[in-house]
Amino acid sequence: MTQPTSAGRRTSGSASDPVRLGARALGVVGALAVAAAPYVPVVGGADVGLPVRGAAAVSSALWAAIALLLLVRAIRPIVFPVLATLGAVALGSIVADLQLFVGAIDADRLELFRPISAGALKAGPGAVVVTLGHALVVVAGALAALALARTVEWDDVDEDPVARRSASVVVAAGVAGALALAASFLLPAYVSTDAVVLAPAPVAGPVASALGGGLSAVAVLVGVAYAFSSTSRSAAVGALAGVVAASATVVGVRLAAALGAGDRIDLGAGTVVGVGGLFVLGVATVATARATSGPTTSVPRLARSAAPSNSTRRHVVAGAVTVLTGIALGVGAVLPLLDVSTGSVPTVVGDRAVAAYAVVTVVGGVLLLFSEFAAAVRPAVPLIVTGHLALAAAVLQALVLGVGIDGVSVGAGGWLLVVGTLLGLLTLALVAAAGASERDGVDTSDLDGASRPLAAALAVAAGVAALGLLLPQYDVVGETGGWIGALPWGWDVWGRLVLVAAVLIGAAVAARARASRAAALQIGSAVALAGVALSPILGGAGPGVTASSGAFVTAVGAAASALVAAGFFRTGE
């Protein structure tokens, strides 16, 4: 039996459905557990001072508010999309919680404790409570997602996704807010001169912190993509609200901790960017909720669940393998790349760049899974993946040199990086097959190509990018890294040569393609080039590594490609 509700949702079946009841109950219990965790001993030997108590109060208040909202009957229509995205972001929190058990002093969880010495800290019951709480929220999110797929229908369904029915400024604000929040999970939360609390960027910190931050960043982007691709405005608002709530429990706590921690700890770039992203995404959520949906077209559930076309299946397969590629390369980069008989862990140039770029690759793969975005994103994905492979090739070159030393062998991360590289090559083939399946539905009778000024700009951008990639990207302790003039070429140079070919081919195709496809190709080029160039420029390639001439020229090529993409967008309009 189906009962209508006041907020545009219909529920199929009994209101006491165990999946829906379980989702809400576990969500409430998990939120309350996380709220209580700061007041249970988290580690032994830690000083919980006033600055930490202030951050703990903010954390407890936010999680208690989430538990209260899940109990309020009036907001039941959006409980399930809220829980689904809340649980997705909390998955990264679980991984980050594991650092409390393997090396609490490096966890930088000022809302839970503040270490006063460099001595070893032993995890206490509070660490178990916070981890279990996040785990319950994740399970609640999974049950909520199951309820959305099986037992919840919406009365405000329209044939077009919310992104097409919303003002462009609202969608742009949502995307910008999501990108800022995702970046905040990867950037340093604090700037510290404290001798104990070092607070590096998550991607440059312990493995658990790096993986946790990466998973949360991906979850934020996927949650916002799901919201704007939804055909129900109520579902979209719920998903956006869940992302905002989950991000607030991280960004808000970091803000309170930094403001109250004293002179030696201050706001980091991640916290500043996160606060801005939280505000922008919150405004976009409110604007989406207040927007009038207009006339809706009720679409039968069975019709919307019809068997996917061959093109859709190819995009889904390509997207899934792209996601696996990003995960394999990202996880491989943060695991030990080399095993050394002496037990020391060698530093490998470029490993953190591969890990950070994995977020971009995973997001590209996830977008291929959504039929609303697949065709638009697909031309950019091969270039994005090729950029990731170019970064991975530089790390593989270090592995090749490392295993030539006695007592050094390939570690678990190195083997996973090889697997990720092979998956990346498979991804390129699958994405090409998905692109071939789109041709039957495309009108190619009127393809005039780019205008002369735009074609000239396209050629200049591609030429500058190619020149930059052929030059050295970085110097290691004063020694020039691999480039086209240093023979024999290593894996790093070959990786960039492949990217040069991809950029030039992409430019040639864009010159004769539809404006939307040409714009996507140039966006893919810009993202790949920026990934290669920004790592040494921003100091993310490793200690003792400085940017060389090629990095700056490549960065100019990335900016030029982005401007050309904007030109194609205007042509398309």
Protein backbone atom coordinates (compact mmCIF):
# COMPACT_ATOMS: atom_id res chain seq x y z
CA MET A 1 0.00 0.00 0.00
CA THR A 2 1.27 3.50 -0.84
CA GLN A 3 0.70 6.52 1.38
CA PRO A 4 1.41 10.09 0.22
CA THR A 5 3.35 12.41 2.50
CA SER A 6 3.44 16.17 2.88
CA ALA A 7 6.90 16.58 1.35
CA GLY A 8 6.48 14.81 -1.93
CA ARG A 9 7.51 11.33 -0.93
CA ARG A 10 5.60 8.10 -1.12
CA THR A 11 6.62 5.01 0.77
CA SER A 12 5.85 1.59 -0.55
CA GLY A 13 4.91 -1.01 1.99
CA SER A 14 4.46 -0.78 5.74
CA ALA A 15 5.82 2.16 7.70
CA SER A 16 7.43 -0.40 10.00
CA ASP A 17 9.67 -1.76 7.25
CA PRO A 18 12.72 -3.24 9.07
CA VAL A 19 15.24 -1.75 6.62
CA ARG A 20 13.97 1.79 7.16
CA LEU A 21 13.59 1.34 10.91
CA GLY A 22 17.07 -0.17 11.13
CA ALA A 23 18.60 2.70 9.16
CA ARG A 24 17.08 5.35 11.42
CA ALA A 25 17.82 3.46 14.65
CA LEU A 26 21.46 2.74 13.79
CA GLY A 27 21.93 6.32 12.59
CA VAL A 28 20.67 7.71 15.91
CA VAL A 29 22.74 5.31 18.03
CA GLY A 30 25.87 5.90 15.94
CA ALA A 31 25.51 9.69 16.08
CA LEU A 32 25.03 9.62 19.85
CA ALA A 33 28.08 7.37 20.25
CA VAL A 34 30.29 9.80 18.32
CA ALA A 35 28.83 12.68 20.34
CA ALA A 36 29.74 10.94 23.60
CA ALA A 37 33.24 9.76 22.54
CA PRO A 38 35.18 12.93 23.57
CA TYR A 39 34.04 12.43 27.17
CA VAL A 40 35.32 8.85 27.35
CA PRO A 41 39.12 8.36 27.73
CA VAL A 42 40.33 8.14 24.14
CA VAL A 43 44.01 7.49 24.81
CA GLY A 44 46.23 7.07 27.84
CA GLY A 45 48.67 9.85 28.73
CA ALA A 46 46.91 12.65 26.86
CA ASP A 47 46.00 16.02 28.28
CA VAL A 48 42.45 17.18 27.53
CA GLY A 49 42.73 20.90 28.08
CA LEU A 50 40.27 23.72 27.54
CA PRO A 51 41.01 24.17 23.82
CA VAL A 52 40.27 20.50 23.22
CA ARG A 53 37.12 20.66 25.31
CA GLY A 54 35.85 23.52 23.14
CA ALA A 55 36.32 21.41 20.00
CA ALA A 56 34.78 18.43 21.78
CA ALA A 57 31.72 20.49 22.64
CA VAL A 58 31.25 21.47 18.99
CA SER A 59 31.65 17.86 17.86
CA SER A 60 29.16 16.60 20.45
CA ALA A 61 26.65 19.33 19.62
CA LEU A 62 26.76 18.62 15.89
CA TRP A 63 26.38 14.86 16.26
CA ALA A 64 23.65 15.25 18.88
CA ALA A 65 21.80 17.58 16.51
CA ILE A 66 22.06 14.95 13.75
CA ALA A 67 20.63 12.32 16.10
CA LEU A 68 17.79 14.67 17.04
CA LEU A 69 16.97 15.43 13.42
CA LEU A 70 16.81 11.72 12.63
CA LEU A 71 14.20 11.34 15.38
CA VAL A 72 11.97 14.22 14.30
CA ARG A 73 8.90 12.96 12.46
CA ALA A 74 8.46 16.12 10.38
CA ILE A 75 11.61 15.58 8.35
CA ARG A 76 11.12 11.87 7.62
CA PRO A 77 10.78 12.44 3.85
CA ILE A 78 14.48 13.30 3.55
CA VAL A 79 15.85 10.98 6.24
CA PHE A 80 17.05 8.33 3.80
CA PRO A 81 19.06 10.44 1.33
CA VAL A 82 20.48 12.35 4.32
CA LEU A 83 21.58 9.11 5.96
CA ALA A 84 22.93 7.68 2.71
CA THR A 85 25.34 10.56 2.06
CA LEU A 86 26.11 10.98 5.77
CA GLY A 87 27.15 7.33 5.92
CA ALA A 88 29.22 7.61 2.75
CA VAL A 89 31.32 10.47 4.17
CA ALA A 90 31.58 8.66 7.54
CA LEU A 91 33.29 5.75 5.78
CA GLY A 92 36.40 7.90 5.47
CA SER A 93 36.09 8.79 9.15
CA ILE A 94 36.25 5.10 10.11
CA VAL A 95 39.54 4.68 8.25
CA ALA A 96 40.91 7.84 9.87
CA ASP A 97 39.81 6.48 13.28
CA LEU A 98 42.12 3.51 12.80
CA GLN A 99 45.06 5.86 13.30
CA LEU A 100 44.01 6.09 16.95
CA PHE A 101 44.98 2.43 17.32
CA VAL A 102 48.18 2.32 15.24
CA GLY A 103 49.71 5.71 16.12
CA ALA A 104 47.44 8.05 18.06
CA ILE A 105 50.05 10.78 18.37
CA ASP A 106 49.88 11.34 14.59
CA ALA A 107 46.07 11.35 14.43
CA ASP A 108 45.71 15.14 15.01
CA ARG A 109 42.27 14.66 16.59
CA LEU A 110 42.24 17.71 18.84
CA GLU A 111 38.52 17.28 19.56
CA LEU A 112 39.38 13.98 21.26
CA PHE A 113 42.76 14.61 22.91
CA ARG A 114 45.91 16.70 22.73
CA PRO A 115 49.21 14.91 23.39
CA ILE A 116 51.72 16.68 25.61
CA SER A 117 54.76 14.55 24.81
CA ALA A 118 56.15 12.41 22.01
CA GLY A 119 55.69 9.26 24.06
CA ALA A 120 53.65 6.33 22.78
CA LEU A 121 49.91 6.61 23.40
CA LYS A 122 47.64 3.64 23.96
CA ALA A 123 44.12 3.69 22.56
CA GLY A 124 41.41 3.77 25.22
CA PRO A 125 37.68 3.02 25.28
CA GLY A 126 36.88 6.39 23.71
CA ALA A 127 38.71 5.35 20.54
CA VAL A 128 36.51 2.25 20.35
CA VAL A 129 33.36 4.33 20.94
CA VAL A 130 34.09 6.86 18.19
CA THR A 131 35.08 4.16 15.68
CA LEU A 132 32.01 2.08 16.50
CA GLY A 133 29.82 5.16 16.23
CA HIS A 134 31.11 5.99 12.77
CA ALA A 135 30.70 2.33 11.77
CA LEU A 136 27.03 2.37 12.83
CA VAL A 137 26.46 5.54 10.81
CA VAL A 138 28.02 3.85 7.76
CA VAL A 139 25.77 0.80 8.17
CA ALA A 140 22.78 3.12 8.60
CA GLY A 141 23.76 4.87 5.38
CA ALA A 142 23.97 1.55 3.53
CA LEU A 143 20.51 0.56 4.79
CA ALA A 144 19.17 3.99 3.81
CA ALA A 145 20.58 3.58 0.31
CA LEU A 146 18.90 0.15 0.14
CA ALA A 147 15.61 1.69 1.25
CA LEU A 148 15.93 4.38 -1.42
CA ALA A 149 16.47 1.76 -4.09
CA ARG A 150 13.77 -0.72 -2.98
CA THR A 151 11.04 0.80 -0.83
CA VAL A 152 10.93 4.55 -1.41
CA GLU A 153 9.31 6.31 -4.33
CA TRP A 154 8.92 10.04 -4.88
CA ASP A 155 5.88 12.00 -6.03
CA ASP A 156 7.95 14.98 -7.22
CA VAL A 157 9.78 13.02 -9.93
CA ASP A 158 10.46 14.80 -13.21
CA GLU A 159 11.89 13.51 -16.46
CA ASP A 160 14.84 15.94 -16.17
CA PRO A 161 17.43 15.77 -13.36
CA VAL A 162 17.52 18.49 -10.73
CA ALA A 163 20.62 20.01 -12.34
CA ARG A 164 18.64 20.87 -15.47
CA ARG A 165 15.71 22.27 -13.49
CA SER A 166 17.84 24.48 -11.23
CA ALA A 167 19.41 27.84 -11.92
CA SER A 168 22.92 27.54 -13.32
CA VAL A 169 24.31 29.64 -10.47
CA VAL A 170 22.87 27.16 -7.93
CA VAL A 171 24.44 24.19 -9.70
CA ALA A 172 27.75 26.04 -10.07
CA ALA A 173 27.69 26.91 -6.35
CA GLY A 174 26.98 23.29 -5.47
CA VAL A 175 29.86 22.02 -7.58
CA ALA A 176 32.24 24.69 -6.26
CA GLY A 177 31.26 23.93 -2.67
CA ALA A 178 31.75 20.20 -3.20
CA LEU A 179 35.19 20.71 -4.75
CA ALA A 180 36.24 22.98 -1.90
CA LEU A 181 35.05 20.48 0.72
CA ALA A 182 36.78 17.62 -1.06
CA ALA A 183 40.02 19.63 -1.14
CA SER A 184 39.67 20.42 2.56
CA PHE A 185 39.89 16.71 3.41
CA LEU A 186 43.28 16.54 1.66
CA LEU A 187 44.85 19.85 2.74
CA PRO A 188 46.42 20.57 6.17
CA ALA A 189 43.79 21.23 8.83
CA TYR A 190 46.20 23.21 11.02
CA VAL A 191 49.38 25.26 10.78
CA SER A 192 51.41 24.10 13.76
CA THR A 193 54.64 25.16 15.42
CA ASP A 194 53.93 22.78 18.29
CA ALA A 195 56.71 20.29 18.99
CA VAL A 196 54.25 17.40 19.41
CA VAL A 197 51.25 18.21 17.19
CA LEU A 198 52.88 18.36 13.74
CA ALA A 199 49.63 18.38 11.69
CA PRO A 200 50.85 17.61 8.15
CA ALA A 201 48.45 17.42 5.21
CA PRO A 202 46.47 14.15 5.32
CA VAL A 203 47.95 13.03 2.01
CA ALA A 204 51.43 13.57 3.46
CA GLY A 205 50.63 11.93 6.78
CA PRO A 206 50.04 8.36 7.95
CA VAL A 207 48.37 5.85 5.64
CA ALA A 208 45.12 5.74 7.63
CA SER A 209 44.77 9.53 7.57
CA ALA A 210 45.53 9.70 3.84
CA LEU A 211 43.03 6.97 2.95
CA GLY A 212 40.38 8.38 5.26
CA GLY A 213 40.70 11.87 3.82
CA GLY A 214 40.62 10.54 0.27
CA LEU A 215 37.51 8.43 0.89
CA SER A 216 35.68 11.35 2.49
CA ALA A 217 36.64 13.62 -0.40
CA VAL A 218 35.31 11.13 -2.93
CA ALA A 219 32.12 10.64 -0.92
CA VAL A 220 31.44 14.39 -0.90
CA LEU A 221 31.82 14.64 -4.67
CA VAL A 222 29.74 11.53 -5.33
CA GLY A 223 27.00 12.70 -2.95
CA VAL A 224 26.67 16.07 -4.69
CA ALA A 225 26.75 14.38 -8.11
CA TYR A 226 23.96 12.04 -7.01
CA ALA A 227 21.92 15.00 -5.74
CA PHE A 228 22.05 17.00 -8.94
CA SER A 229 21.50 13.92 -11.12
CA SER A 230 18.41 12.90 -9.15
CA THR A 231 15.02 13.36 -10.79
CA SER A 232 13.44 14.17 -7.39
CA ARG A 233 14.07 17.53 -5.78
CA SER A 234 13.27 16.11 -2.33
CA ALA A 235 15.89 13.39 -2.77
CA ALA A 236 18.41 15.97 -4.01
CA VAL A 237 17.86 18.24 -1.01
CA GLY A 238 18.25 15.29 1.35
CA ALA A 239 21.50 14.16 -0.27
CA LEU A 240 22.95 17.69 -0.19
CA ALA A 241 21.88 18.13 3.44
CA GLY A 242 23.64 14.87 4.34
CA VAL A 243 26.88 16.03 2.72
CA VAL A 244 26.66 19.37 4.52
CA ALA A 245 25.98 17.72 7.88
CA ALA A 246 28.80 15.17 7.51
CA SER A 247 31.29 17.80 6.38
CA ALA A 248 30.32 20.12 9.23
CA THR A 249 31.27 17.44 11.77
CA VAL A 250 34.82 17.56 10.39
CA VAL A 251 35.32 21.14 9.23
CA GLY A 252 33.44 22.73 12.13
CA VAL A 253 35.39 20.74 14.70
CA ARG A 254 38.72 21.63 13.09
CA LEU A 255 37.74 25.30 13.10
CA ALA A 256 36.87 25.20 16.82
CA ALA A 257 40.06 23.31 17.65
CA ALA A 258 42.30 25.73 15.73
CA LEU A 259 40.69 28.80 17.26
CA GLY A 260 41.03 27.48 20.78
CA ALA A 261 44.31 25.58 20.68
CA GLY A 262 46.61 28.47 21.50
CA ASP A 263 49.32 30.40 19.68
CA ARG A 264 51.23 27.36 18.42
CA ILE A 265 48.32 25.94 16.38
CA ASP A 266 46.41 28.02 13.85
CA LEU A 267 43.97 27.56 11.00
CA GLY A 268 45.34 25.53 8.10
CA ALA A 269 44.46 25.83 4.43
CA GLY A 270 42.17 22.78 4.65
CA THR A 271 40.04 24.32 7.38
CA VAL A 272 39.77 27.70 5.66
CA VAL A 273 38.84 26.15 2.32
CA GLY A 274 36.45 23.75 4.06
CA VAL A 275 34.57 26.54 5.87
CA GLY A 276 34.13 28.37 2.58
CA GLY A 277 32.98 25.21 0.80
CA LEU A 278 30.57 24.39 3.62
CA PHE A 279 28.98 27.82 3.41
CA VAL A 280 28.66 27.74 -0.39
CA LEU A 281 27.22 24.21 -0.46
CA GLY A 282 24.84 25.10 2.37
CA VAL A 283 23.53 28.06 0.38
CA ALA A 284 23.13 25.83 -2.69
CA THR A 285 21.20 23.31 -0.58
CA VAL A 286 18.81 25.96 0.71
CA ALA A 287 18.35 27.38 -2.80
CA THR A 288 17.58 23.91 -4.15
CA ALA A 289 15.03 23.32 -1.39
CA ARG A 290 13.30 26.66 -1.91
CA ALA A 291 13.19 26.44 -5.72
CA THR A 292 9.82 25.62 -7.21
CA SER A 293 9.85 22.37 -9.05
CA GLY A 294 7.26 23.42 -11.63
CA PRO A 295 5.05 20.85 -13.30
CA THR A 296 6.30 17.32 -12.78
CA THR A 297 5.84 14.25 -14.83
CA SER A 298 5.15 11.14 -12.83
CA VAL A 299 7.34 8.38 -14.15
CA PRO A 300 6.33 4.81 -13.26
CA ARG A 301 9.01 3.02 -11.23
CA LEU A 302 9.08 0.04 -13.57
CA ALA A 303 9.60 2.29 -16.57
CA ARG A 304 12.53 3.99 -14.85
CA SER A 305 14.00 0.59 -14.04
CA ALA A 306 13.94 -0.65 -17.61
CA ALA A 307 16.87 -2.64 -18.91
CA PRO A 308 19.82 -0.38 -19.74
CA SER A 309 20.94 0.07 -23.34
CA ASN A 310 24.19 -1.32 -24.69
CA SER A 311 25.71 2.17 -24.54
CA THR A 312 24.70 2.55 -20.89
CA ARG A 313 26.20 -0.83 -20.01
CA ARG A 314 29.49 0.11 -21.67
CA HIS A 315 29.64 3.37 -19.75
CA VAL A 316 28.92 1.57 -16.47
CA VAL A 317 31.67 -0.98 -17.11
CA ALA A 318 34.13 1.75 -18.09
CA GLY A 319 33.19 3.77 -15.03
CA ALA A 320 33.62 0.81 -12.68
CA VAL A 321 37.08 0.00 -14.04
CA THR A 322 38.03 3.70 -13.87
CA VAL A 323 37.07 3.74 -10.19
CA LEU A 324 39.13 0.60 -9.59
CA THR A 325 42.07 2.23 -11.37
CA GLY A 326 41.92 5.28 -9.13
CA ILE A 327 41.60 3.18 -5.98
CA ALA A 328 44.46 0.84 -6.93
CA LEU A 329 46.83 3.70 -7.81
CA GLY A 330 45.81 5.77 -4.80
CA VAL A 331 46.08 2.97 -2.25
CA GLY A 332 49.28 1.68 -3.83
CA ALA A 333 50.88 5.11 -3.52
CA VAL A 334 50.27 5.33 0.24
CA LEU A 335 51.30 1.75 1.04
CA PRO A 336 55.01 0.83 1.29
CA LEU A 337 56.36 0.99 -2.27
CA LEU A 338 59.68 -0.69 -1.46
CA ASP A 339 60.69 -3.31 1.09
CA VAL A 340 64.11 -2.69 2.61
CA SER A 341 65.91 -5.39 4.58
CA THR A 342 67.08 -2.82 7.16
CA GLY A 343 63.47 -1.87 7.91
CA SER A 344 63.83 1.79 6.90
CA VAL A 345 61.12 3.31 4.70
CA PRO A 346 62.63 5.13 1.68
CA THR A 347 61.04 8.28 0.31
CA VAL A 348 59.78 7.95 -3.26
CA VAL A 349 59.36 11.10 -5.33
CA GLY A 350 55.80 11.71 -6.49
CA ASP A 351 53.94 9.09 -4.43
CA ARG A 352 51.70 11.62 -2.68
CA ALA A 353 50.77 13.24 -5.99
CA VAL A 354 49.57 9.85 -7.27
CA ALA A 355 47.51 9.40 -4.09
CA ALA A 356 45.92 12.86 -4.28
CA TYR A 357 45.15 12.58 -8.01
CA ALA A 358 43.32 9.30 -7.32
CA VAL A 359 40.38 11.37 -6.07
CA VAL A 360 40.02 12.95 -9.53
CA THR A 361 40.18 9.58 -11.29
CA VAL A 362 37.61 8.03 -8.97
CA VAL A 363 35.22 10.96 -9.42
CA GLY A 364 35.54 10.68 -13.20
CA GLY A 365 34.70 6.98 -12.99
CA VAL A 366 31.73 7.59 -10.71
CA LEU A 367 30.30 10.19 -13.10
CA LEU A 368 30.46 7.60 -15.88
CA LEU A 369 28.12 5.45 -13.78
CA PHE A 370 25.38 8.11 -13.94
CA SER A 371 23.57 8.13 -17.27
CA GLU A 372 22.89 11.87 -16.88
CA PHE A 373 26.62 12.67 -16.91
CA ALA A 374 28.22 9.74 -18.75
CA ALA A 375 28.14 11.08 -22.31
CA ALA A 376 29.25 14.56 -21.27
CA VAL A 377 32.14 13.38 -19.08
CA ARG A 378 33.35 10.47 -21.19
CA PRO A 379 35.66 12.47 -23.55
CA ALA A 380 37.55 13.90 -20.55
CA VAL A 381 38.12 10.60 -18.76
CA PRO A 382 40.85 9.16 -21.06
CA LEU A 383 42.95 12.29 -20.63
CA ILE A 384 42.39 12.31 -16.87
CA VAL A 385 43.40 8.67 -16.59
CA THR A 386 46.45 9.23 -18.82
CA GLY A 387 47.53 12.04 -16.51
CA HIS A 388 47.27 9.66 -13.57
CA LEU A 389 49.32 7.06 -15.42
CA ALA A 390 51.98 9.69 -16.16
CA LEU A 391 52.26 10.47 -12.45
CA ALA A 392 52.38 6.76 -11.63
CA ALA A 393 55.11 6.21 -14.23
CA ALA A 394 57.41 8.59 -12.34
CA VAL A 395 56.95 6.51 -9.19
CA LEU A 396 57.52 3.28 -11.15
CA GLN A 397 60.83 4.73 -12.36
CA ALA A 398 61.89 5.17 -8.73
CA LEU A 399 60.92 1.55 -8.05
CA VAL A 400 63.00 0.35 -11.00
CA LEU A 401 66.02 2.21 -9.63
CA GLY A 402 65.32 1.06 -6.07
CA VAL A 403 65.15 -2.67 -6.75
CA GLY A 404 68.61 -2.47 -8.29
CA ILE A 405 70.02 -1.98 -4.80
CA ASP A 406 70.89 -5.00 -2.69
CA GLY A 407 68.33 -5.69 0.04
CA VAL A 408 65.57 -3.68 -1.67
CA SER A 409 62.51 -5.29 -3.24
CA VAL A 410 59.10 -4.16 -4.46
CA GLY A 411 56.64 -3.62 -1.62
CA ALA A 412 52.89 -4.13 -1.48
CA GLY A 413 52.26 -0.59 -2.68
CA GLY A 414 54.58 -1.06 -5.64
CA TRP A 415 52.78 -4.17 -6.82
CA LEU A 416 49.42 -2.46 -6.39
CA LEU A 417 50.74 0.45 -8.44
CA VAL A 418 51.60 -1.99 -11.24
CA VAL A 419 48.08 -3.43 -11.06
CA GLY A 420 46.62 0.08 -11.16
CA THR A 421 48.69 0.91 -14.24
CA LEU A 422 47.39 -2.18 -16.04
CA LEU A 423 43.84 -1.30 -15.03
CA GLY A 424 44.44 2.20 -16.38
CA LEU A 425 45.37 0.81 -19.79
CA LEU A 426 42.22 -1.34 -19.71
CA THR A 427 40.22 1.75 -18.77
CA LEU A 428 41.39 3.59 -21.88
CA ALA A 429 40.18 0.73 -24.08
CA LEU A 430 36.82 0.48 -22.29
CA VAL A 431 36.20 4.22 -22.44
CA ALA A 432 36.98 4.16 -26.17
CA ALA A 433 34.41 1.37 -26.60
CA ALA A 434 31.87 3.40 -24.65
CA GLY A 435 32.54 6.38 -26.90
CA ALA A 436 32.01 4.27 -30.01
CA SER A 437 28.57 3.26 -28.71
CA GLU A 438 27.51 6.93 -28.53
CA ARG A 439 27.91 7.60 -32.25
CA ASP A 440 24.59 6.10 -33.31
CA GLY A 441 22.68 8.70 -31.32
CA VAL A 442 24.70 11.73 -32.44
CA ASP A 443 23.85 14.00 -35.36
CA THR A 444 27.11 14.57 -37.25
CA SER A 445 25.56 16.25 -40.28
CA ASP A 446 26.51 19.74 -39.10
CA LEU A 447 30.04 19.75 -37.72
CA ASP A 448 31.73 23.00 -38.68
CA GLY A 449 34.55 22.60 -36.19
CA ALA A 450 36.15 25.35 -34.16
CA SER A 451 36.35 28.91 -35.41
CA ARG A 452 39.73 30.14 -36.58
CA PRO A 453 40.52 32.13 -33.42
CA LEU A 454 39.47 29.23 -31.20
CA ALA A 455 41.39 26.74 -33.33
CA ALA A 456 44.49 28.93 -33.07
CA ALA A 457 44.11 29.14 -29.28
CA LEU A 458 43.63 25.38 -29.17
CA ALA A 459 46.85 24.80 -31.10
CA VAL A 460 48.82 27.20 -28.91
CA ALA A 461 47.52 25.59 -25.71
CA ALA A 462 48.38 22.09 -26.92
CA GLY A 463 51.81 23.20 -28.13
CA VAL A 464 52.71 24.91 -24.86
CA ALA A 465 51.52 21.88 -22.88
CA ALA A 466 53.54 19.49 -25.03
CA LEU A 467 56.66 21.65 -24.68
CA GLY A 468 56.28 21.76 -20.91
CA LEU A 469 55.90 17.99 -20.64
CA LEU A 470 59.07 17.43 -22.66
CA LEU A 471 61.09 19.65 -20.31
CA PRO A 472 62.19 18.56 -16.80
CA GLN A 473 59.36 18.84 -14.28
CA TYR A 474 61.42 18.85 -11.10
CA ASP A 475 64.91 18.91 -9.60
CA VAL A 476 65.85 16.47 -6.84
CA VAL A 477 68.44 17.91 -4.42
CA GLY A 478 69.83 20.07 -7.20
CA GLU A 479 69.89 17.26 -9.80
CA THR A 480 67.63 17.65 -12.86
CA GLY A 481 64.89 15.05 -13.15
CA GLY A 482 64.16 13.03 -16.26
CA TRP A 483 63.32 14.88 -19.47
CA ILE A 484 63.45 14.44 -23.23
CA GLY A 485 67.11 15.44 -23.42
CA ALA A 486 68.35 12.91 -20.86
CA LEU A 487 69.02 9.52 -22.43
CA PRO A 488 68.13 6.75 -21.91
CA TRP A 489 64.54 7.68 -21.13
CA GLY A 490 63.05 6.30 -17.95
CA TRP A 491 59.46 5.37 -17.15
CA ASP A 492 58.80 8.95 -16.01
CA VAL A 493 59.71 10.39 -19.41
CA TRP A 494 57.78 7.71 -21.29
CA GLY A 495 54.73 8.43 -19.15
CA ARG A 496 54.85 12.11 -20.02
CA LEU A 497 55.41 11.30 -23.72
CA VAL A 498 52.19 9.29 -23.69
CA LEU A 499 50.44 12.27 -22.12
CA VAL A 500 51.90 14.54 -24.83
CA ALA A 501 50.41 12.26 -27.48
CA ALA A 502 47.05 12.23 -25.67
CA VAL A 503 46.96 16.03 -25.39
CA LEU A 504 47.85 16.53 -29.07
CA ILE A 505 45.34 13.93 -30.26
CA GLY A 506 42.70 15.46 -27.99
CA ALA A 507 43.36 18.88 -29.49
CA ALA A 508 43.14 17.52 -33.04
CA VAL A 509 39.81 15.84 -32.26
CA ALA A 510 38.48 18.93 -30.47
CA ALA A 511 39.19 21.10 -33.52
CA ARG A 512 36.58 19.17 -35.54
CA ALA A 513 34.23 18.00 -32.77
CA ARG A 514 30.97 19.29 -31.38
CA ALA A 515 31.45 22.15 -28.94
CA SER A 516 30.38 20.09 -25.91
CA ARG A 517 32.76 17.26 -26.75
CA ALA A 518 35.62 19.67 -27.52
CA ALA A 519 35.07 21.40 -24.16
CA ALA A 520 35.18 18.06 -22.33
CA LEU A 521 38.41 17.12 -24.10
CA GLN A 522 40.05 20.39 -23.10
CA ILE A 523 38.85 20.03 -19.51
CA GLY A 524 40.44 16.59 -19.43
CA SER A 525 43.69 18.02 -20.76
CA ALA A 526 43.65 20.85 -18.24
CA VAL A 527 43.08 18.47 -15.32
CA ALA A 528 45.82 16.06 -16.43
CA LEU A 529 48.33 18.83 -17.06
CA ALA A 530 47.54 20.53 -13.77
CA GLY A 531 48.05 17.25 -11.92
CA VAL A 532 51.51 16.80 -13.40
CA ALA A 533 52.59 20.43 -12.99
CA LEU A 534 51.18 21.37 -9.59
CA SER A 535 52.80 18.52 -7.68
CA PRO A 536 56.37 19.96 -7.85
CA ILE A 537 55.16 23.57 -7.85
CA LEU A 538 53.19 23.15 -4.61
CA GLY A 539 55.89 21.04 -3.00
CA GLY A 540 53.86 17.83 -3.02
CA ALA A 541 56.42 15.71 -4.88
CA GLY A 542 58.50 15.02 -1.78
CA PRO A 543 61.28 16.51 0.38
CA GLY A 544 64.18 18.03 -1.50
CA VAL A 545 62.13 18.23 -4.72
CA THR A 546 61.72 21.64 -6.39
CA ALA A 547 59.84 22.63 -9.51
CA SER A 548 61.83 22.93 -12.72
CA SER A 549 61.13 24.88 -15.90
CA GLY A 550 58.87 22.21 -17.39
CA ALA A 551 56.45 22.35 -14.46
CA PHE A 552 55.80 26.06 -14.96
CA VAL A 553 55.40 25.74 -18.74
CA THR A 554 53.04 22.79 -18.23
CA ALA A 555 51.02 24.85 -15.75
CA VAL A 556 50.65 27.57 -18.39
CA GLY A 557 49.45 24.92 -20.84
CA ALA A 558 46.90 23.70 -18.29
CA ALA A 559 45.56 27.22 -17.78
CA ALA A 560 45.41 27.78 -21.55
CA SER A 561 43.51 24.52 -22.04
CA ALA A 562 41.00 25.58 -19.39
CA LEU A 563 40.47 28.91 -21.18
CA VAL A 564 39.98 27.12 -24.50
CA ALA A 565 37.42 24.85 -22.82
CA ALA A 566 35.55 27.96 -21.66
CA GLY A 567 35.59 29.21 -25.24
CA PHE A 568 34.02 25.99 -26.46
CA PHE A 569 31.38 26.24 -23.75
CA ARG A 570 30.42 29.69 -25.01
CA THR A 571 30.32 28.37 -28.57
CA GLY A 572 28.01 25.58 -27.44
CA GLU A 573 25.65 28.04 -25.79
